[in-house]
Amino acid sequence: SLALRPGLRLDRLFILLDTGTTPVTRKAAAQQLGEVVKLHPHELNNLLSKVLVYLRSTNWDTRIAAGQAVEAIVKNVPEWNPTPRSKQEPGSESPNEDSPSTDRLRFDRFDICRLLKHGASLLGSAGAEFEVQDDKSGEIDPKERIARQRKLL
């Protein structure tokens, strides 16, 4: 993880991002956070999740600096160039199910009924799972009820 060896420096950069005395200091910290991605591209999600906290700050200057950090990070993310699968030689065996032309999703083969029956639900919620299930909800102190609901989150 990023926080092991270079963690001290990284923590200082986040502190500067949040409490730097001038916009120039904050921007420099943001740009240095972007440089971290060059050295540790596998830590992209980790870094962005830490910056997200500062994007939600009540301090305007901190939010500006966090936005600059996101910009610097994104600019330093290496471009993704996947290697294409090799095409089958003409005259060779007929294409099988694993060939590049058949491994992609095609509309004529898409089965919506099968998807609805066997597919996983993606973050769907009506919110009922966060409600306190108590028959005597009128007898519970409102503060205690809220505390119970928070535990369910």
N, C-alpha and C. Protein backbone atom coordinates (compact mmCIF):
# COMPACT_ATOMS: atom_id res chain seq x y z
N SER A 1 0.83 -1.19 0.00
CA SER A 1 0.00 0.00 0.00
C SER A 1 0.88 1.26 0.00
N LEU A 2 0.27 2.34 -0.43
CA LEU A 2 0.99 3.60 -0.53
C LEU A 2 1.43 4.13 0.83
N ALA A 3 0.70 3.78 1.86
CA ALA A 3 0.96 4.39 3.16
C ALA A 3 2.14 3.78 3.91
N LEU A 4 2.81 2.79 3.37
CA LEU A 4 3.91 2.16 4.11
C LEU A 4 5.16 3.03 4.10
N ARG A 5 5.97 2.97 3.05
CA ARG A 5 7.24 3.71 3.04
C ARG A 5 7.05 5.19 2.72
N PRO A 6 6.47 5.50 1.56
CA PRO A 6 6.33 6.92 1.26
C PRO A 6 5.13 7.54 1.97
N GLY A 7 4.58 6.84 2.95
CA GLY A 7 3.37 7.30 3.62
C GLY A 7 3.52 8.62 4.34
N LEU A 8 4.66 8.82 4.96
CA LEU A 8 4.88 10.06 5.69
C LEU A 8 4.81 11.25 4.74
N ARG A 9 5.49 11.13 3.62
CA ARG A 9 5.46 12.21 2.62
C ARG A 9 4.05 12.38 2.06
N LEU A 10 3.39 11.25 1.82
CA LEU A 10 2.04 11.29 1.28
C LEU A 10 1.08 11.96 2.27
N ASP A 11 1.21 11.61 3.54
CA ASP A 11 0.37 12.25 4.56
C ASP A 11 0.62 13.75 4.60
N ARG A 12 1.87 14.14 4.47
CA ARG A 12 2.19 15.58 4.47
C ARG A 12 1.57 16.28 3.27
N LEU A 13 1.57 15.60 2.13
CA LEU A 13 0.95 16.20 0.94
C LEU A 13 -0.54 16.42 1.16
N PHE A 14 -1.19 15.45 1.79
CA PHE A 14 -2.62 15.61 2.06
C PHE A 14 -2.87 16.71 3.09
N ILE A 15 -1.98 16.83 4.06
CA ILE A 15 -2.10 17.91 5.05
C ILE A 15 -1.95 19.26 4.36
N LEU A 16 -0.97 19.37 3.46
CA LEU A 16 -0.79 20.62 2.71
C LEU A 16 -1.99 20.90 1.81
N LEU A 17 -2.55 19.86 1.23
CA LEU A 17 -3.73 20.01 0.38
C LEU A 17 -4.87 20.63 1.20
N ASP A 18 -4.97 20.22 2.44
CA ASP A 18 -6.05 20.67 3.31
C ASP A 18 -5.75 21.99 4.01
N THR A 19 -4.52 22.16 4.49
CA THR A 19 -4.24 23.31 5.36
C THR A 19 -3.12 24.21 4.84
N GLY A 20 -2.72 24.03 3.59
CA GLY A 20 -1.67 24.89 3.03
C GLY A 20 -2.03 26.36 3.19
N THR A 21 -1.02 27.17 3.48
CA THR A 21 -1.30 28.58 3.79
C THR A 21 -1.63 29.42 2.56
N THR A 22 -1.16 29.00 1.38
CA THR A 22 -1.46 29.75 0.16
C THR A 22 -1.98 28.80 -0.91
N PRO A 23 -2.72 29.33 -1.88
CA PRO A 23 -3.17 28.50 -2.99
C PRO A 23 -2.01 27.87 -3.76
N VAL A 24 -0.88 28.56 -3.82
CA VAL A 24 0.29 28.03 -4.52
C VAL A 24 0.81 26.77 -3.81
N THR A 25 0.84 26.81 -2.49
CA THR A 25 1.29 25.65 -1.71
C THR A 25 0.35 24.47 -1.93
N ARG A 26 -0.94 24.75 -1.89
CA ARG A 26 -1.93 23.69 -2.08
C ARG A 26 -1.83 23.08 -3.48
N LYS A 27 -1.63 23.95 -4.47
CA LYS A 27 -1.52 23.45 -5.85
C LYS A 27 -0.26 22.61 -6.02
N ALA A 28 0.82 23.02 -5.40
CA ALA A 28 2.06 22.24 -5.48
C ALA A 28 1.86 20.85 -4.86
N ALA A 29 1.14 20.80 -3.74
CA ALA A 29 0.84 19.51 -3.11
C ALA A 29 -0.03 18.66 -4.04
N ALA A 30 -1.00 19.30 -4.69
CA ALA A 30 -1.88 18.59 -5.62
C ALA A 30 -1.07 18.00 -6.78
N GLN A 31 -0.15 18.79 -7.31
CA GLN A 31 0.66 18.30 -8.43
C GLN A 31 1.58 17.17 -7.99
N GLN A 32 2.10 17.24 -6.78
CA GLN A 32 2.95 16.15 -6.29
C GLN A 32 2.15 14.87 -6.06
N LEU A 33 0.88 15.02 -5.67
CA LEU A 33 0.02 13.83 -5.55
C LEU A 33 -0.17 13.19 -6.93
N GLY A 34 -0.25 14.03 -7.96
CA GLY A 34 -0.33 13.51 -9.32
C GLY A 34 0.91 12.74 -9.71
N GLU A 35 2.06 13.20 -9.24
CA GLU A 35 3.32 12.51 -9.54
C GLU A 35 3.39 11.12 -8.89
N VAL A 36 2.69 10.96 -7.77
CA VAL A 36 2.69 9.66 -7.08
C VAL A 36 2.15 8.57 -8.00
N VAL A 37 1.17 8.91 -8.82
CA VAL A 37 0.56 7.92 -9.72
C VAL A 37 1.58 7.42 -10.75
N LYS A 38 2.50 8.28 -11.15
CA LYS A 38 3.54 7.84 -12.09
C LYS A 38 4.38 6.73 -11.48
N LEU A 39 4.70 6.86 -10.20
CA LEU A 39 5.54 5.87 -9.52
C LEU A 39 4.76 4.65 -9.07
N HIS A 40 3.49 4.83 -8.76
CA HIS A 40 2.66 3.74 -8.24
C HIS A 40 1.31 3.71 -8.96
N PRO A 41 1.25 3.38 -10.25
CA PRO A 41 -0.02 3.42 -10.97
C PRO A 41 -1.07 2.46 -10.41
N HIS A 42 -0.62 1.39 -9.75
CA HIS A 42 -1.56 0.43 -9.19
C HIS A 42 -2.31 0.99 -7.97
N GLU A 43 -1.87 2.12 -7.46
CA GLU A 43 -2.50 2.74 -6.29
C GLU A 43 -3.49 3.84 -6.67
N LEU A 44 -3.88 3.89 -7.94
CA LEU A 44 -4.76 4.95 -8.42
C LEU A 44 -6.05 5.04 -7.60
N ASN A 45 -6.75 3.93 -7.44
CA ASN A 45 -8.03 3.96 -6.72
C ASN A 45 -7.84 4.37 -5.26
N ASN A 46 -6.77 3.89 -4.65
CA ASN A 46 -6.46 4.26 -3.27
C ASN A 46 -6.28 5.76 -3.14
N LEU A 47 -5.50 6.32 -4.04
CA LEU A 47 -5.20 7.75 -4.01
C LEU A 47 -6.46 8.58 -4.24
N LEU A 48 -7.25 8.19 -5.23
CA LEU A 48 -8.47 8.93 -5.52
C LEU A 48 -9.46 8.87 -4.36
N SER A 49 -9.53 7.73 -3.69
CA SER A 49 -10.45 7.63 -2.56
C SER A 49 -10.02 8.55 -1.42
N LYS A 50 -8.72 8.74 -1.26
CA LYS A 50 -8.24 9.67 -0.22
C LYS A 50 -8.53 11.12 -0.62
N VAL A 51 -8.39 11.42 -1.90
CA VAL A 51 -8.65 12.79 -2.37
C VAL A 51 -10.15 13.11 -2.27
N LEU A 52 -10.98 12.10 -2.44
CA LEU A 52 -12.43 12.29 -2.38
C LEU A 52 -12.86 12.94 -1.07
N VAL A 53 -12.22 12.57 0.01
CA VAL A 53 -12.53 13.16 1.32
C VAL A 53 -12.36 14.67 1.27
N TYR A 54 -11.31 15.12 0.60
CA TYR A 54 -11.03 16.56 0.54
C TYR A 54 -11.94 17.27 -0.46
N LEU A 55 -12.46 16.54 -1.43
CA LEU A 55 -13.42 17.14 -2.36
C LEU A 55 -14.72 17.50 -1.64
N ARG A 56 -14.98 16.82 -0.54
CA ARG A 56 -16.21 17.05 0.24
C ARG A 56 -15.98 17.98 1.43
N SER A 57 -14.83 18.59 1.51
CA SER A 57 -14.49 19.46 2.63
C SER A 57 -15.42 20.67 2.69
N THR A 58 -15.59 21.21 3.88
CA THR A 58 -16.38 22.45 4.01
C THR A 58 -15.56 23.67 3.61
N ASN A 59 -14.24 23.52 3.53
CA ASN A 59 -13.35 24.62 3.18
C ASN A 59 -13.23 24.72 1.65
N TRP A 60 -13.56 25.88 1.14
CA TRP A 60 -13.54 26.11 -0.31
C TRP A 60 -12.15 25.88 -0.91
N ASP A 61 -11.12 26.42 -0.28
CA ASP A 61 -9.75 26.28 -0.80
C ASP A 61 -9.31 24.81 -0.83
N THR A 62 -9.75 24.05 0.15
CA THR A 62 -9.42 22.62 0.18
C THR A 62 -10.09 21.91 -1.00
N ARG A 63 -11.35 22.27 -1.27
CA ARG A 63 -12.05 21.64 -2.41
C ARG A 63 -11.38 21.99 -3.73
N ILE A 64 -10.94 23.24 -3.86
CA ILE A 64 -10.23 23.66 -5.08
C ILE A 64 -8.95 22.84 -5.23
N ALA A 65 -8.18 22.72 -4.15
CA ALA A 65 -6.92 21.97 -4.19
C ALA A 65 -7.18 20.49 -4.49
N ALA A 66 -8.26 19.94 -3.94
CA ALA A 66 -8.59 18.54 -4.20
C ALA A 66 -8.95 18.34 -5.67
N GLY A 67 -9.65 19.31 -6.25
CA GLY A 67 -9.95 19.24 -7.68
C GLY A 67 -8.68 19.30 -8.52
N GLN A 68 -7.75 20.13 -8.10
CA GLN A 68 -6.46 20.20 -8.80
C GLN A 68 -5.70 18.89 -8.65
N ALA A 69 -5.83 18.25 -7.50
CA ALA A 69 -5.17 16.96 -7.28
C ALA A 69 -5.76 15.90 -8.21
N VAL A 70 -7.08 15.88 -8.34
CA VAL A 70 -7.72 14.92 -9.26
C VAL A 70 -7.21 15.16 -10.68
N GLU A 71 -7.14 16.43 -11.08
CA GLU A 71 -6.64 16.76 -12.42
C GLU A 71 -5.21 16.25 -12.61
N ALA A 72 -4.36 16.50 -11.63
CA ALA A 72 -2.95 16.07 -11.72
C ALA A 72 -2.84 14.55 -11.75
N ILE A 73 -3.66 13.89 -10.96
CA ILE A 73 -3.63 12.42 -10.93
C ILE A 73 -4.05 11.85 -12.27
N VAL A 74 -5.15 12.37 -12.80
CA VAL A 74 -5.67 11.86 -14.08
C VAL A 74 -4.69 12.11 -15.21
N LYS A 75 -4.01 13.24 -15.19
CA LYS A 75 -3.02 13.53 -16.24
C LYS A 75 -1.85 12.56 -16.20
N ASN A 76 -1.57 11.99 -15.03
CA ASN A 76 -0.43 11.10 -14.89
C ASN A 76 -0.78 9.62 -14.94
N VAL A 77 -2.03 9.31 -15.18
CA VAL A 77 -2.42 7.91 -15.32
C VAL A 77 -1.92 7.43 -16.67
N PRO A 78 -1.20 6.33 -16.70
CA PRO A 78 -0.71 5.84 -17.99
C PRO A 78 -1.86 5.46 -18.92
N GLU A 79 -1.68 5.76 -20.19
CA GLU A 79 -2.71 5.44 -21.17
C GLU A 79 -2.85 3.93 -21.28
N TRP A 80 -4.09 3.49 -21.36
CA TRP A 80 -4.36 2.06 -21.44
C TRP A 80 -4.44 1.65 -22.90
N ASN A 81 -3.51 0.82 -23.32
CA ASN A 81 -3.49 0.30 -24.69
C ASN A 81 -3.48 -1.22 -24.64
N PRO A 82 -4.65 -1.82 -24.59
CA PRO A 82 -4.67 -3.29 -24.53
C PRO A 82 -4.16 -3.88 -25.84
N THR A 83 -3.50 -5.01 -25.74
CA THR A 83 -3.01 -5.65 -26.96
C THR A 83 -4.16 -6.44 -27.58
N PRO A 84 -4.44 -6.18 -28.84
CA PRO A 84 -5.55 -6.90 -29.49
C PRO A 84 -5.20 -8.37 -29.68
N ARG A 85 -6.23 -9.19 -29.64
CA ARG A 85 -6.01 -10.62 -29.89
C ARG A 85 -5.63 -10.81 -31.35
N SER A 86 -4.79 -11.78 -31.58
CA SER A 86 -4.38 -12.02 -32.96
C SER A 86 -5.54 -12.61 -33.75
N LYS A 87 -5.68 -12.13 -34.98
CA LYS A 87 -6.76 -12.62 -35.84
C LYS A 87 -6.35 -13.97 -36.42
N GLN A 88 -7.36 -14.74 -36.75
CA GLN A 88 -7.10 -16.07 -37.30
C GLN A 88 -6.61 -15.95 -38.74
N GLU A 89 -5.65 -16.77 -39.06
CA GLU A 89 -5.09 -16.77 -40.41
C GLU A 89 -6.13 -17.24 -41.41
N PRO A 90 -6.18 -16.62 -42.60
CA PRO A 90 -7.11 -17.10 -43.62
C PRO A 90 -6.73 -18.53 -44.02
N GLY A 91 -7.74 -19.35 -44.20
CA GLY A 91 -7.49 -20.73 -44.61
C GLY A 91 -7.27 -21.67 -43.45
N SER A 92 -7.20 -21.14 -42.21
CA SER A 92 -7.03 -22.03 -41.07
C SER A 92 -8.40 -22.53 -40.62
N GLU A 93 -8.43 -23.19 -39.47
CA GLU A 93 -9.67 -23.78 -38.99
C GLU A 93 -10.78 -22.73 -38.92
N SER A 94 -12.01 -23.20 -38.93
CA SER A 94 -13.14 -22.29 -38.84
C SER A 94 -13.16 -21.65 -37.46
N PRO A 95 -13.70 -20.45 -37.35
CA PRO A 95 -13.68 -19.77 -36.06
C PRO A 95 -14.45 -20.56 -35.00
N ASN A 96 -13.88 -20.65 -33.81
CA ASN A 96 -14.58 -21.33 -32.73
C ASN A 96 -15.18 -20.29 -31.79
N GLU A 97 -15.75 -20.75 -30.69
CA GLU A 97 -16.42 -19.84 -29.75
C GLU A 97 -15.48 -18.84 -29.10
N ASP A 98 -14.18 -19.14 -29.04
CA ASP A 98 -13.23 -18.25 -28.38
C ASP A 98 -12.59 -17.25 -29.32
N SER A 99 -12.98 -17.23 -30.56
CA SER A 99 -12.34 -16.33 -31.51
C SER A 99 -12.75 -14.89 -31.22
N PRO A 100 -11.93 -13.93 -31.62
CA PRO A 100 -12.21 -12.52 -31.34
C PRO A 100 -13.56 -12.06 -31.87
N SER A 101 -14.01 -12.64 -32.98
CA SER A 101 -15.27 -12.18 -33.55
C SER A 101 -16.48 -12.67 -32.77
N THR A 102 -16.32 -13.73 -31.96
CA THR A 102 -17.47 -14.25 -31.24
C THR A 102 -17.43 -14.00 -29.73
N ASP A 103 -16.32 -13.47 -29.20
CA ASP A 103 -16.26 -13.28 -27.75
C ASP A 103 -16.84 -11.94 -27.31
N ARG A 104 -17.29 -11.15 -28.23
CA ARG A 104 -17.90 -9.86 -27.89
C ARG A 104 -19.41 -10.00 -27.79
N LEU A 105 -19.99 -9.13 -26.99
CA LEU A 105 -21.43 -9.11 -26.83
C LEU A 105 -22.05 -8.61 -28.13
N ARG A 106 -23.02 -9.37 -28.60
CA ARG A 106 -23.73 -8.97 -29.82
C ARG A 106 -25.21 -8.89 -29.50
N PHE A 107 -25.88 -7.92 -30.07
CA PHE A 107 -27.29 -7.70 -29.79
C PHE A 107 -28.14 -8.91 -30.18
N ASP A 108 -27.83 -9.53 -31.31
CA ASP A 108 -28.66 -10.66 -31.76
C ASP A 108 -28.54 -11.87 -30.84
N ARG A 109 -27.50 -11.92 -30.00
CA ARG A 109 -27.35 -13.04 -29.06
C ARG A 109 -27.67 -12.64 -27.62
N PHE A 110 -28.05 -11.42 -27.40
CA PHE A 110 -28.33 -10.93 -26.05
C PHE A 110 -29.70 -11.42 -25.60
N ASP A 111 -29.77 -12.07 -24.45
CA ASP A 111 -31.02 -12.63 -23.94
C ASP A 111 -31.41 -11.90 -22.66
N ILE A 112 -32.30 -10.93 -22.79
CA ILE A 112 -32.70 -10.11 -21.64
C ILE A 112 -33.41 -10.95 -20.59
N CYS A 113 -34.21 -11.92 -21.01
CA CYS A 113 -34.93 -12.76 -20.04
C CYS A 113 -33.95 -13.56 -19.19
N ARG A 114 -32.92 -14.09 -19.81
CA ARG A 114 -31.90 -14.86 -19.08
C ARG A 114 -31.16 -13.95 -18.11
N LEU A 115 -30.86 -12.74 -18.55
CA LEU A 115 -30.18 -11.78 -17.69
C LEU A 115 -31.01 -11.45 -16.46
N LEU A 116 -32.31 -11.19 -16.67
CA LEU A 116 -33.17 -10.84 -15.54
C LEU A 116 -33.34 -12.02 -14.58
N LYS A 117 -33.36 -13.23 -15.13
CA LYS A 117 -33.56 -14.42 -14.30
C LYS A 117 -32.30 -14.81 -13.54
N HIS A 118 -31.13 -14.74 -14.19
CA HIS A 118 -29.89 -15.24 -13.59
C HIS A 118 -28.87 -14.16 -13.24
N GLY A 119 -29.07 -12.94 -13.70
CA GLY A 119 -28.09 -11.88 -13.48
C GLY A 119 -28.12 -11.35 -12.05
N ALA A 120 -27.00 -10.79 -11.64
CA ALA A 120 -26.90 -10.22 -10.29
C ALA A 120 -27.49 -8.82 -10.28
N SER A 121 -28.11 -8.46 -9.18
CA SER A 121 -28.65 -7.12 -9.01
C SER A 121 -27.50 -6.15 -8.77
N LEU A 122 -27.55 -5.00 -9.40
CA LEU A 122 -26.47 -4.02 -9.27
C LEU A 122 -26.92 -2.85 -8.41
N LEU A 123 -26.63 -2.93 -7.13
CA LEU A 123 -26.86 -1.85 -6.18
C LEU A 123 -28.30 -1.32 -6.16
N GLY A 124 -29.26 -2.20 -6.31
CA GLY A 124 -30.65 -1.79 -6.24
C GLY A 124 -31.13 -1.81 -4.80
N SER A 125 -31.88 -0.79 -4.38
CA SER A 125 -32.37 -0.76 -3.01
C SER A 125 -33.56 0.18 -2.91
N ALA A 126 -34.56 -0.28 -2.18
CA ALA A 126 -35.69 0.59 -1.88
C ALA A 126 -35.48 1.28 -0.54
N GLY A 127 -34.42 0.89 0.17
CA GLY A 127 -34.09 1.51 1.45
C GLY A 127 -34.70 0.81 2.66
N ALA A 128 -35.53 -0.21 2.42
CA ALA A 128 -36.19 -0.88 3.54
C ALA A 128 -35.21 -1.57 4.48
N GLU A 129 -34.07 -2.00 3.95
CA GLU A 129 -33.10 -2.69 4.81
C GLU A 129 -32.46 -1.77 5.84
N PHE A 130 -32.67 -0.47 5.71
CA PHE A 130 -32.10 0.47 6.66
C PHE A 130 -33.11 0.92 7.72
N GLU A 131 -34.34 0.46 7.61
CA GLU A 131 -35.37 0.81 8.57
C GLU A 131 -35.29 -0.09 9.79
N VAL A 132 -35.51 0.47 10.96
CA VAL A 132 -35.52 -0.32 12.19
C VAL A 132 -36.82 -1.11 12.22
N GLN A 133 -36.71 -2.42 12.36
CA GLN A 133 -37.87 -3.29 12.42
C GLN A 133 -38.22 -3.52 13.88
N ASP A 134 -39.06 -2.66 14.43
CA ASP A 134 -39.41 -2.76 15.84
C ASP A 134 -40.90 -2.51 15.99
N ASP A 135 -41.61 -3.44 16.62
CA ASP A 135 -43.05 -3.30 16.79
C ASP A 135 -43.40 -2.13 17.70
N LYS A 136 -42.52 -1.79 18.60
CA LYS A 136 -42.78 -0.74 19.58
C LYS A 136 -41.99 0.52 19.23
N SER A 137 -41.98 0.90 17.97
CA SER A 137 -41.15 2.02 17.54
C SER A 137 -41.56 3.34 18.19
N GLY A 138 -42.82 3.46 18.60
CA GLY A 138 -43.27 4.67 19.26
C GLY A 138 -42.70 4.82 20.66
N GLU A 139 -42.29 3.70 21.26
CA GLU A 139 -41.77 3.73 22.63
C GLU A 139 -40.27 4.00 22.68
N ILE A 140 -39.58 3.95 21.54
CA ILE A 140 -38.13 4.13 21.51
C ILE A 140 -37.80 5.61 21.44
N ASP A 141 -36.81 6.01 22.22
CA ASP A 141 -36.31 7.37 22.19
C ASP A 141 -35.80 7.68 20.77
N PRO A 142 -36.14 8.84 20.19
CA PRO A 142 -35.70 9.14 18.82
C PRO A 142 -34.18 9.05 18.63
N LYS A 143 -33.41 9.46 19.64
CA LYS A 143 -31.95 9.38 19.52
C LYS A 143 -31.50 7.92 19.44
N GLU A 144 -32.14 7.06 20.23
CA GLU A 144 -31.78 5.63 20.20
C GLU A 144 -32.18 5.01 18.86
N ARG A 145 -33.33 5.42 18.33
CA ARG A 145 -33.78 4.90 17.03
C ARG A 145 -32.79 5.28 15.93
N ILE A 146 -32.31 6.52 15.94
CA ILE A 146 -31.33 6.97 14.95
C ILE A 146 -30.03 6.21 15.12
N ALA A 147 -29.61 5.99 16.36
CA ALA A 147 -28.38 5.23 16.61
C ALA A 147 -28.50 3.82 16.06
N ARG A 148 -29.67 3.19 16.23
CA ARG A 148 -29.88 1.84 15.68
C ARG A 148 -29.83 1.84 14.16
N GLN A 149 -30.44 2.87 13.55
CA GLN A 149 -30.43 2.96 12.09
C GLN A 149 -29.02 3.14 11.56
N ARG A 150 -28.21 3.92 12.25
CA ARG A 150 -26.82 4.13 11.82
C ARG A 150 -26.03 2.84 11.87
N LYS A 151 -26.32 2.01 12.88
CA LYS A 151 -25.63 0.72 12.98
C LYS A 151 -25.98 -0.17 11.79
N LEU A 152 -27.19 -0.02 11.26
CA LEU A 152 -27.60 -0.83 10.11
C LEU A 152 -26.90 -0.41 8.82
N LEU A 153 -26.40 0.83 8.79
CA LEU A 153 -25.69 1.29 7.60
C LEU A 153 -24.38 0.60 7.55
